[in-house]
Amino acid sequence: MVTGLEDLPPSLAGTEVDCTVATDAAGHLQATAGLRQCFDYFLSAVGEESPEILMARIRTQLRNSLREPALGEAEKVLAGYVAYLRGVADIEKRQASSAPGQWDLEKVRQQMQQVQALRRMYLSPEVIAAFFDEDDAYDRYTLARLELLQDRNLPAAARARQLAVLDQQLPAALRDSLKTVNQYTDLRTLTEDWKKRGGSAGELRQIRSNLVGEEATTRLEALDQENAAWDGRMAAWYGQRDALLKNSSLSTQDRDRQLEELRRSHF
């Protein structure tokens, strides 16, 4: 039996396809995230095989799993989904050609609206909900994060507190996957803002505590002290070394000897 998995392209070789599909009691297709995963599995190999071959693989999988009327309904969803993906690629291409720089929140909103309009053009509300509910939650979260990070009307500590609240609204699995990257980005962004404004040590502690908790904040403060001590040692070393190098009364041998002694005393 032909399955659509024969002679897979290199990127799919050795992988397992999960084309989970579902129907209701009347034999109609039920839209699920698994159906989209089935489509995406094969479409991820675009560039290795022609779109026509990849579509044929998907249709073969559908024919082996479904009967009418669900089969025809699934093929209609597939056609709409592919048309949607082509439209998204055009939108992203236009976005990539725009001038680089700080995120323009209005353009981000416009792009999200354009993508949502594309979905409504090609897919039913039931399919949109099954395919994109998680994506939409992530997009709303990302936009809210950008708005907070760029809001200079709020103190950095208040933004850190709201970012932490925003993170708690994510599904647990998504929150865990984003935690490390987001904490690093948020700390860096809000700390730079704190430095530019000449904020207090107390404010910095509050920023850190809101984002990473008390224990990690204590570790960061200890690291700050170590870095400050190291910077002090380096400043003292450079100052004393430069004084020796500028001392014309010393012979080369005496200067080298004193530099070595100075190096040992500092390091």
C-alpha atoms as a PDB file:
ATOM      1  CA  MET A   1       0.000   0.000   0.000  1.00  0.00           C
ATOM      2  CA  VAL A   2       1.259   3.477  -0.878  1.00  0.00           C
ATOM      3  CA  THR A   3       1.487   5.581   2.290  1.00  0.00           C
ATOM      4  CA  GLY A   4       3.104   8.830   1.181  1.00  0.00           C
ATOM      5  CA  LEU A   5       6.161   8.019   3.294  1.00  0.00           C
ATOM      6  CA  GLU A   6       8.171   6.364   0.519  1.00  0.00           C
ATOM      7  CA  ASP A   7      11.633   7.847  -0.211  1.00  0.00           C
ATOM      8  CA  LEU A   8      11.216  10.750   2.172  1.00  0.00           C
ATOM      9  CA  PRO A   9      13.452  13.824   1.697  1.00  0.00           C
ATOM     10  CA  PRO A  10      16.574  13.985   3.922  1.00  0.00           C
ATOM     11  CA  SER A  11      15.067  16.272   6.568  1.00  0.00           C
ATOM     12  CA  LEU A  12      12.247  13.786   7.202  1.00  0.00           C
ATOM     13  CA  ALA A  13      14.236  10.573   6.904  1.00  0.00           C
ATOM     14  CA  GLY A  14      14.160   8.561  10.115  1.00  0.00           C
ATOM     15  CA  THR A  15      11.321  10.611  11.625  1.00  0.00           C
ATOM     16  CA  GLU A  16       7.823   9.498  12.489  1.00  0.00           C
ATOM     17  CA  VAL A  17       4.741  11.121  11.029  1.00  0.00           C
ATOM     18  CA  ASP A  18       1.778  11.809  13.301  1.00  0.00           C
ATOM     19  CA  CYS A  19      -1.246  12.325  11.094  1.00  0.00           C
ATOM     20  CA  THR A  20      -3.896  12.089  13.766  1.00  0.00           C
ATOM     21  CA  VAL A  21      -7.311  12.850  12.287  1.00  0.00           C
ATOM     22  CA  ALA A  22     -10.759  12.648  13.815  1.00  0.00           C
ATOM     23  CA  THR A  23     -14.360  12.438  12.623  1.00  0.00           C
ATOM     24  CA  ASP A  24     -17.708  12.824  14.320  1.00  0.00           C
ATOM     25  CA  ALA A  25     -20.508  10.244  14.507  1.00  0.00           C
ATOM     26  CA  ALA A  26     -21.804  11.293  11.069  1.00  0.00           C
ATOM     27  CA  GLY A  27     -18.390  10.862   9.445  1.00  0.00           C
ATOM     28  CA  HIS A  28     -17.605  14.558   9.114  1.00  0.00           C
ATOM     29  CA  LEU A  29     -14.116  15.855   9.770  1.00  0.00           C
ATOM     30  CA  GLN A  30     -13.344  17.264  13.194  1.00  0.00           C
ATOM     31  CA  ALA A  31     -10.795  20.070  13.085  1.00  0.00           C
ATOM     32  CA  THR A  32      -7.893  19.343  15.428  1.00  0.00           C
ATOM     33  CA  ALA A  33      -4.360  20.563  16.025  1.00  0.00           C
ATOM     34  CA  GLY A  34      -3.236  17.091  14.932  1.00  0.00           C
ATOM     35  CA  LEU A  35      -4.511  17.729  11.414  1.00  0.00           C
ATOM     36  CA  ARG A  36      -2.373  20.834  11.149  1.00  0.00           C
ATOM     37  CA  GLN A  37       0.620  18.894  12.522  1.00  0.00           C
ATOM     38  CA  CYS A  38       0.125  16.347   9.761  1.00  0.00           C
ATOM     39  CA  PHE A  39       0.164  19.080   7.120  1.00  0.00           C
ATOM     40  CA  ASP A  40       3.162  20.835   8.655  1.00  0.00           C
ATOM     41  CA  TYR A  41       5.174  17.617   8.896  1.00  0.00           C
ATOM     42  CA  PHE A  42       5.297  17.249   5.131  1.00  0.00           C
ATOM     43  CA  LEU A  43       5.268  20.947   4.242  1.00  0.00           C
ATOM     44  CA  SER A  44       8.399  21.478   6.351  1.00  0.00           C
ATOM     45  CA  ALA A  45      10.325  19.817   3.510  1.00  0.00           C
ATOM     46  CA  VAL A  46       9.485  22.555   1.015  1.00  0.00           C
ATOM     47  CA  GLY A  47      12.665  23.215  -0.966  1.00  0.00           C
ATOM     48  CA  GLU A  48      13.725  19.576  -0.818  1.00  0.00           C
ATOM     49  CA  GLU A  49      10.735  18.401  -2.812  1.00  0.00           C
ATOM     50  CA  SER A  50       8.291  20.244  -5.005  1.00  0.00           C
ATOM     51  CA  PRO A  51       5.022  21.453  -3.450  1.00  0.00           C
ATOM     52  CA  GLU A  52       3.162  19.072  -5.768  1.00  0.00           C
ATOM     53  CA  ILE A  53       4.984  16.011  -4.399  1.00  0.00           C
ATOM     54  CA  LEU A  54       4.507  17.118  -0.802  1.00  0.00           C
ATOM     55  CA  MET A  55       0.801  17.731  -1.369  1.00  0.00           C
ATOM     56  CA  ALA A  56       0.512  14.274  -2.923  1.00  0.00           C
ATOM     57  CA  ARG A  57       2.111  12.759   0.186  1.00  0.00           C
ATOM     58  CA  ILE A  58      -0.402  14.526   2.436  1.00  0.00           C
ATOM     59  CA  ARG A  59      -3.365  13.498   0.287  1.00  0.00           C
ATOM     60  CA  THR A  60      -2.172   9.895   0.370  1.00  0.00           C
ATOM     61  CA  GLN A  61      -2.046  10.024   4.156  1.00  0.00           C
ATOM     62  CA  LEU A  62      -5.551  11.477   4.247  1.00  0.00           C
ATOM     63  CA  ARG A  63      -6.939   8.838   1.865  1.00  0.00           C
ATOM     64  CA  ASN A  64      -5.476   6.104   4.042  1.00  0.00           C
ATOM     65  CA  SER A  65      -7.048   7.563   7.192  1.00  0.00           C
ATOM     66  CA  LEU A  66     -10.418   9.002   6.138  1.00  0.00           C
ATOM     67  CA  ARG A  67     -13.532   8.240   4.169  1.00  0.00           C
ATOM     68  CA  GLU A  68     -16.097  10.582   2.671  1.00  0.00           C
ATOM     69  CA  PRO A  69     -17.379  13.055   3.639  1.00  0.00           C
ATOM     70  CA  ALA A  70     -14.399  13.657   5.968  1.00  0.00           C
ATOM     71  CA  LEU A  71     -11.853  13.026   3.191  1.00  0.00           C
ATOM     72  CA  GLY A  72     -13.200  15.764   0.946  1.00  0.00           C
ATOM     73  CA  GLU A  73     -13.487  18.115   3.892  1.00  0.00           C
ATOM     74  CA  ALA A  74      -9.861  17.454   4.884  1.00  0.00           C
ATOM     75  CA  GLU A  75      -8.623  18.081   1.356  1.00  0.00           C
ATOM     76  CA  LYS A  76     -10.560  21.373   1.311  1.00  0.00           C
ATOM     77  CA  VAL A  77      -8.908  22.366   4.589  1.00  0.00           C
ATOM     78  CA  LEU A  78      -5.515  21.427   3.133  1.00  0.00           C
ATOM     79  CA  ALA A  79      -6.045  23.637   0.077  1.00  0.00           C
ATOM     80  CA  GLY A  80      -7.122  26.570   2.244  1.00  0.00           C
ATOM     81  CA  TYR A  81      -4.232  26.076   4.651  1.00  0.00           C
ATOM     82  CA  VAL A  82      -1.658  26.085   1.848  1.00  0.00           C
ATOM     83  CA  ALA A  83      -3.195  29.230   0.344  1.00  0.00           C
ATOM     84  CA  TYR A  84      -3.046  30.825   3.788  1.00  0.00           C
ATOM     85  CA  LEU A  85       0.647  29.908   4.191  1.00  0.00           C
ATOM     86  CA  ARG A  86       1.459  31.503   0.835  1.00  0.00           C
ATOM     87  CA  GLY A  87      -0.278  34.685   1.938  1.00  0.00           C
ATOM     88  CA  VAL A  88       1.631  34.726   5.243  1.00  0.00           C
ATOM     89  CA  ALA A  89       4.907  34.331   3.359  1.00  0.00           C
ATOM     90  CA  ASP A  90       4.069  37.416   1.290  1.00  0.00           C
ATOM     91  CA  ILE A  91       3.269  39.414   4.439  1.00  0.00           C
ATOM     92  CA  GLU A  92       6.520  38.343   6.122  1.00  0.00           C
ATOM     93  CA  LYS A  93       8.489  39.177   2.986  1.00  0.00           C
ATOM     94  CA  ARG A  94       7.128  42.719   3.005  1.00  0.00           C
ATOM     95  CA  GLN A  95       7.903  43.015   6.717  1.00  0.00           C
ATOM     96  CA  ALA A  96      11.484  41.812   6.184  1.00  0.00           C
ATOM     97  CA  SER A  97      12.056  44.448   3.504  1.00  0.00           C
ATOM     98  CA  SER A  98      11.186  47.299   5.879  1.00  0.00           C
ATOM     99  CA  ALA A  99      13.902  49.297   7.606  1.00  0.00           C
ATOM    100  CA  PRO A 100      15.535  47.508  10.582  1.00  0.00           C
ATOM    101  CA  GLY A 101      15.416  48.968  14.045  1.00  0.00           C
ATOM    102  CA  GLN A 102      13.243  48.903  17.113  1.00  0.00           C
ATOM    103  CA  TRP A 103      10.007  47.008  16.834  1.00  0.00           C
ATOM    104  CA  ASP A 104       7.235  49.232  15.521  1.00  0.00           C
ATOM    105  CA  LEU A 105       4.270  48.084  17.598  1.00  0.00           C
ATOM    106  CA  GLU A 106       1.725  49.493  15.173  1.00  0.00           C
ATOM    107  CA  LYS A 107       3.271  47.504  12.313  1.00  0.00           C
ATOM    108  CA  VAL A 108       3.246  44.378  14.472  1.00  0.00           C
ATOM    109  CA  ARG A 109      -0.459  44.884  15.168  1.00  0.00           C
ATOM    110  CA  GLN A 110      -1.161  45.463  11.488  1.00  0.00           C
ATOM    111  CA  GLN A 111       0.691  42.291  10.546  1.00  0.00           C
ATOM    112  CA  MET A 112      -1.268  40.275  13.100  1.00  0.00           C
ATOM    113  CA  GLN A 113      -4.527  41.692  11.725  1.00  0.00           C
ATOM    114  CA  GLN A 114      -3.484  40.838   8.159  1.00  0.00           C
ATOM    115  CA  VAL A 115      -2.663  37.266   9.156  1.00  0.00           C
ATOM    116  CA  GLN A 116      -5.992  36.883  10.947  1.00  0.00           C
ATOM    117  CA  ALA A 117      -7.825  38.234   7.897  1.00  0.00           C
ATOM    118  CA  LEU A 118      -6.042  35.652   5.733  1.00  0.00           C
ATOM    119  CA  ARG A 119      -7.220  32.871   8.002  1.00  0.00           C
ATOM    120  CA  ARG A 120     -10.833  34.018   7.727  1.00  0.00           C
ATOM    121  CA  MET A 121     -10.481  34.162   3.953  1.00  0.00           C
ATOM    122  CA  TYR A 122      -9.370  30.551   3.561  1.00  0.00           C
ATOM    123  CA  LEU A 123     -10.445  28.632   6.678  1.00  0.00           C
ATOM    124  CA  SER A 124     -13.586  28.099   8.736  1.00  0.00           C
ATOM    125  CA  PRO A 125     -13.894  29.421  12.294  1.00  0.00           C
ATOM    126  CA  GLU A 126     -13.694  25.857  13.644  1.00  0.00           C
ATOM    127  CA  VAL A 127     -10.449  25.167  11.787  1.00  0.00           C
ATOM    128  CA  ILE A 128      -8.994  28.526  12.815  1.00  0.00           C
ATOM    129  CA  ALA A 129      -9.692  27.791  16.475  1.00  0.00           C
ATOM    130  CA  ALA A 130      -8.194  24.284  16.303  1.00  0.00           C
ATOM    131  CA  PHE A 131      -5.136  25.315  14.295  1.00  0.00           C
ATOM    132  CA  PHE A 132      -4.252  28.682  15.795  1.00  0.00           C
ATOM    133  CA  ASP A 133      -5.585  29.151  19.338  1.00  0.00           C
ATOM    134  CA  GLU A 134      -2.131  28.553  20.853  1.00  0.00           C
ATOM    135  CA  ASP A 135      -0.423  30.727  18.225  1.00  0.00           C
ATOM    136  CA  ASP A 136      -2.833  33.560  18.931  1.00  0.00           C
ATOM    137  CA  ALA A 137      -2.243  33.303  22.674  1.00  0.00           C
ATOM    138  CA  TYR A 138       1.500  33.520  22.080  1.00  0.00           C
ATOM    139  CA  ASP A 139       1.121  36.477  19.682  1.00  0.00           C
ATOM    140  CA  ARG A 140      -1.007  38.396  22.187  1.00  0.00           C
ATOM    141  CA  TYR A 141       1.545  37.655  24.873  1.00  0.00           C
ATOM    142  CA  THR A 142       4.463  38.776  22.673  1.00  0.00           C
ATOM    143  CA  LEU A 143       2.735  42.019  21.744  1.00  0.00           C
ATOM    144  CA  ALA A 144       1.935  42.763  25.396  1.00  0.00           C
ATOM    145  CA  ARG A 145       5.578  42.109  26.306  1.00  0.00           C
ATOM    146  CA  LEU A 146       6.811  44.496  23.609  1.00  0.00           C
ATOM    147  CA  GLU A 147       4.416  47.175  24.797  1.00  0.00           C
ATOM    148  CA  LEU A 148       5.654  46.847  28.383  1.00  0.00           C
ATOM    149  CA  LEU A 149       9.340  46.804  27.451  1.00  0.00           C
ATOM    150  CA  GLN A 150       8.932  49.961  25.378  1.00  0.00           C
ATOM    151  CA  ASP A 151       6.690  51.824  27.828  1.00  0.00           C
ATOM    152  CA  ARG A 152       8.981  54.511  29.246  1.00  0.00           C
ATOM    153  CA  ASN A 153       6.125  56.043  31.218  1.00  0.00           C
ATOM    154  CA  LEU A 154       6.245  53.155  33.673  1.00  0.00           C
ATOM    155  CA  PRO A 155       9.166  52.758  36.098  1.00  0.00           C
ATOM    156  CA  ALA A 156      11.366  49.789  35.278  1.00  0.00           C
ATOM    157  CA  ALA A 157      10.413  48.019  38.508  1.00  0.00           C
ATOM    158  CA  ALA A 158       6.705  48.336  37.673  1.00  0.00           C
ATOM    159  CA  ARG A 159       7.322  46.949  34.194  1.00  0.00           C
ATOM    160  CA  ALA A 160       9.247  44.031  35.687  1.00  0.00           C
ATOM    161  CA  ARG A 161       6.312  43.297  37.986  1.00  0.00           C
ATOM    162  CA  GLN A 162       3.808  43.379  35.121  1.00  0.00           C
ATOM    163  CA  LEU A 163       6.054  41.199  32.940  1.00  0.00           C
ATOM    164  CA  ALA A 164       6.116  38.592  35.707  1.00  0.00           C
ATOM    165  CA  VAL A 165       2.306  38.692  35.922  1.00  0.00           C
ATOM    166  CA  LEU A 166       2.072  38.366  32.140  1.00  0.00           C
ATOM    167  CA  ASP A 167       4.290  35.273  32.200  1.00  0.00           C
ATOM    168  CA  GLN A 168       1.990  33.610  34.728  1.00  0.00           C
ATOM    169  CA  GLN A 169      -0.909  33.903  32.278  1.00  0.00           C
ATOM    170  CA  LEU A 170       0.794  31.595  29.770  1.00  0.00           C
ATOM    171  CA  PRO A 171       0.088  27.861  29.606  1.00  0.00           C
ATOM    172  CA  ALA A 172       2.606  26.095  31.873  1.00  0.00           C
ATOM    173  CA  ALA A 173       4.445  24.282  29.066  1.00  0.00           C
ATOM    174  CA  LEU A 174       4.881  27.446  27.006  1.00  0.00           C
ATOM    175  CA  ARG A 175       5.881  29.453  30.078  1.00  0.00           C
ATOM    176  CA  ASP A 176       8.598  26.947  30.954  1.00  0.00           C
ATOM    177  CA  SER A 177       9.976  26.887  27.403  1.00  0.00           C
ATOM    178  CA  LEU A 178      10.252  30.698  27.287  1.00  0.00           C
ATOM    179  CA  LYS A 179      11.383  31.315  30.866  1.00  0.00           C
ATOM    180  CA  THR A 180      15.158  31.491  30.453  1.00  0.00           C
ATOM    181  CA  VAL A 181      15.173  33.575  27.261  1.00  0.00           C
ATOM    182  CA  ASN A 182      12.544  35.991  28.548  1.00  0.00           C
ATOM    183  CA  GLN A 183      14.261  36.502  31.895  1.00  0.00           C
ATOM    184  CA  TYR A 184      17.544  37.304  30.161  1.00  0.00           C
ATOM    185  CA  THR A 185      15.901  39.707  27.701  1.00  0.00           C
ATOM    186  CA  ASP A 186      13.824  41.443  30.365  1.00  0.00           C
ATOM    187  CA  LEU A 187      16.718  41.809  32.797  1.00  0.00           C
ATOM    188  CA  ARG A 188      18.977  43.241  30.125  1.00  0.00           C
ATOM    189  CA  THR A 189      16.373  45.670  28.781  1.00  0.00           C
ATOM    190  CA  LEU A 190      15.168  46.966  32.145  1.00  0.00           C
ATOM    191  CA  THR A 191      18.672  47.132  33.643  1.00  0.00           C
ATOM    192  CA  GLU A 192      19.885  49.225  30.712  1.00  0.00           C
ATOM    193  CA  ASP A 193      16.913  51.534  31.206  1.00  0.00           C
ATOM    194  CA  TRP A 194      17.689  51.708  34.947  1.00  0.00           C
ATOM    195  CA  LYS A 195      21.309  52.667  34.202  1.00  0.00           C
ATOM    196  CA  LYS A 196      20.318  55.388  31.746  1.00  0.00           C
ATOM    197  CA  ARG A 197      18.014  56.967  34.306  1.00  0.00           C
ATOM    198  CA  GLY A 198      20.537  56.645  37.140  1.00  0.00           C
ATOM    199  CA  GLY A 199      18.171  54.537  39.218  1.00  0.00           C
ATOM    200  CA  SER A 200      18.787  53.570  42.809  1.00  0.00           C
ATOM    201  CA  ALA A 201      20.191  50.283  44.096  1.00  0.00           C
ATOM    202  CA  GLY A 202      16.817  49.597  45.698  1.00  0.00           C
ATOM    203  CA  GLU A 203      15.060  49.958  42.372  1.00  0.00           C
ATOM    204  CA  LEU A 204      17.496  47.538  40.722  1.00  0.00           C
ATOM    205  CA  ARG A 205      16.852  45.000  43.480  1.00  0.00           C
ATOM    206  CA  GLN A 206      13.104  45.352  42.936  1.00  0.00           C
ATOM    207  CA  ILE A 207      13.476  44.868  39.179  1.00  0.00           C
ATOM    208  CA  ARG A 208      15.481  41.715  39.673  1.00  0.00           C
ATOM    209  CA  SER A 209      13.256  40.383  42.424  1.00  0.00           C
ATOM    210  CA  ASN A 210      10.130  40.833  40.306  1.00  0.00           C
ATOM    211  CA  LEU A 211      11.691  39.051  37.347  1.00  0.00           C
ATOM    212  CA  VAL A 212      13.784  36.243  38.832  1.00  0.00           C
ATOM    213  CA  GLY A 213      12.919  36.020  42.537  1.00  0.00           C
ATOM    214  CA  GLU A 214      14.800  36.762  45.751  1.00  0.00           C
ATOM    215  CA  GLU A 215      17.291  33.897  45.600  1.00  0.00           C
ATOM    216  CA  ALA A 216      18.500  34.726  42.092  1.00  0.00           C
ATOM    217  CA  THR A 217      18.566  38.438  42.990  1.00  0.00           C
ATOM    218  CA  THR A 218      20.921  37.693  45.887  1.00  0.00           C
ATOM    219  CA  ARG A 219      23.202  35.759  43.540  1.00  0.00           C
ATOM    220  CA  LEU A 220      23.186  38.632  41.051  1.00  0.00           C
ATOM    221  CA  GLU A 221      24.113  41.092  43.799  1.00  0.00           C
ATOM    222  CA  ALA A 222      27.011  38.863  44.872  1.00  0.00           C
ATOM    223  CA  LEU A 223      28.133  38.764  41.240  1.00  0.00           C
ATOM    224  CA  ASP A 224      27.917  42.570  41.101  1.00  0.00           C
ATOM    225  CA  GLN A 225      30.257  42.772  44.108  1.00  0.00           C
ATOM    226  CA  GLU A 226      32.709  40.342  42.533  1.00  0.00           C
ATOM    227  CA  ASN A 227      32.684  42.309  39.281  1.00  0.00           C
ATOM    228  CA  ALA A 228      33.170  45.599  41.133  1.00  0.00           C
ATOM    229  CA  ALA A 229      36.110  44.124  43.059  1.00  0.00           C
ATOM    230  CA  TRP A 230      37.649  42.849  39.848  1.00  0.00           C
ATOM    231  CA  ASP A 231      37.152  46.205  38.141  1.00  0.00           C
ATOM    232  CA  GLY A 232      38.873  47.879  41.109  1.00  0.00           C
ATOM    233  CA  ARG A 233      41.840  45.516  40.879  1.00  0.00           C
ATOM    234  CA  MET A 234      42.132  46.123  37.138  1.00  0.00           C
ATOM    235  CA  ALA A 235      41.937  49.896  37.570  1.00  0.00           C
ATOM    236  CA  ALA A 236      44.662  49.791  40.250  1.00  0.00           C
ATOM    237  CA  TRP A 237      46.831  47.563  38.059  1.00  0.00           C
ATOM    238  CA  TYR A 238      46.526  49.789  35.005  1.00  0.00           C
ATOM    239  CA  GLY A 239      47.213  52.926  37.033  1.00  0.00           C
ATOM    240  CA  GLN A 240      50.332  51.560  38.714  1.00  0.00           C
ATOM    241  CA  ARG A 241      51.584  49.925  35.547  1.00  0.00           C
ATOM    242  CA  ASP A 242      51.245  53.157  33.584  1.00  0.00           C
ATOM    243  CA  ALA A 243      53.132  55.017  36.321  1.00  0.00           C
ATOM    244  CA  LEU A 244      56.021  52.528  36.067  1.00  0.00           C
ATOM    245  CA  LEU A 245      56.090  52.711  32.291  1.00  0.00           C
ATOM    246  CA  LYS A 246      56.262  56.508  32.432  1.00  0.00           C
ATOM    247  CA  ASN A 247      59.070  56.527  35.023  1.00  0.00           C
ATOM    248  CA  SER A 248      62.074  57.415  32.882  1.00  0.00           C
ATOM    249  CA  SER A 249      64.477  57.114  35.822  1.00  0.00           C
ATOM    250  CA  LEU A 250      64.106  53.329  35.869  1.00  0.00           C
ATOM    251  CA  SER A 251      66.315  51.066  33.809  1.00  0.00           C
ATOM    252  CA  THR A 252      64.626  48.533  31.554  1.00  0.00           C
ATOM    253  CA  GLN A 253      65.674  45.727  33.896  1.00  0.00           C
ATOM    254  CA  ASP A 254      64.298  47.489  37.002  1.00  0.00           C
ATOM    255  CA  ARG A 255      61.081  48.373  35.214  1.00  0.00           C
ATOM    256  CA  ASP A 256      60.507  44.776  34.069  1.00  0.00           C
ATOM    257  CA  ARG A 257      61.252  43.467  37.547  1.00  0.00           C
ATOM    258  CA  GLN A 258      58.863  45.894  39.222  1.00  0.00           C
ATOM    259  CA  LEU A 259      56.158  45.188  36.640  1.00  0.00           C
ATOM    260  CA  GLU A 260      56.422  41.474  37.366  1.00  0.00           C
ATOM    261  CA  GLU A 261      56.211  42.098  41.104  1.00  0.00           C
ATOM    262  CA  LEU A 262      53.217  44.352  40.558  1.00  0.00           C
ATOM    263  CA  ARG A 263      51.498  41.730  38.412  1.00  0.00           C
ATOM    264  CA  ARG A 264      52.007  39.055  41.073  1.00  0.00           C
ATOM    265  CA  SER A 265      50.658  41.332  43.794  1.00  0.00           C
ATOM    266  CA  HIS A 266      47.456  41.987  41.858  1.00  0.00           C
ATOM    267  CA  PHE A 267      46.825  38.630  40.246  1.00  0.00           C
END
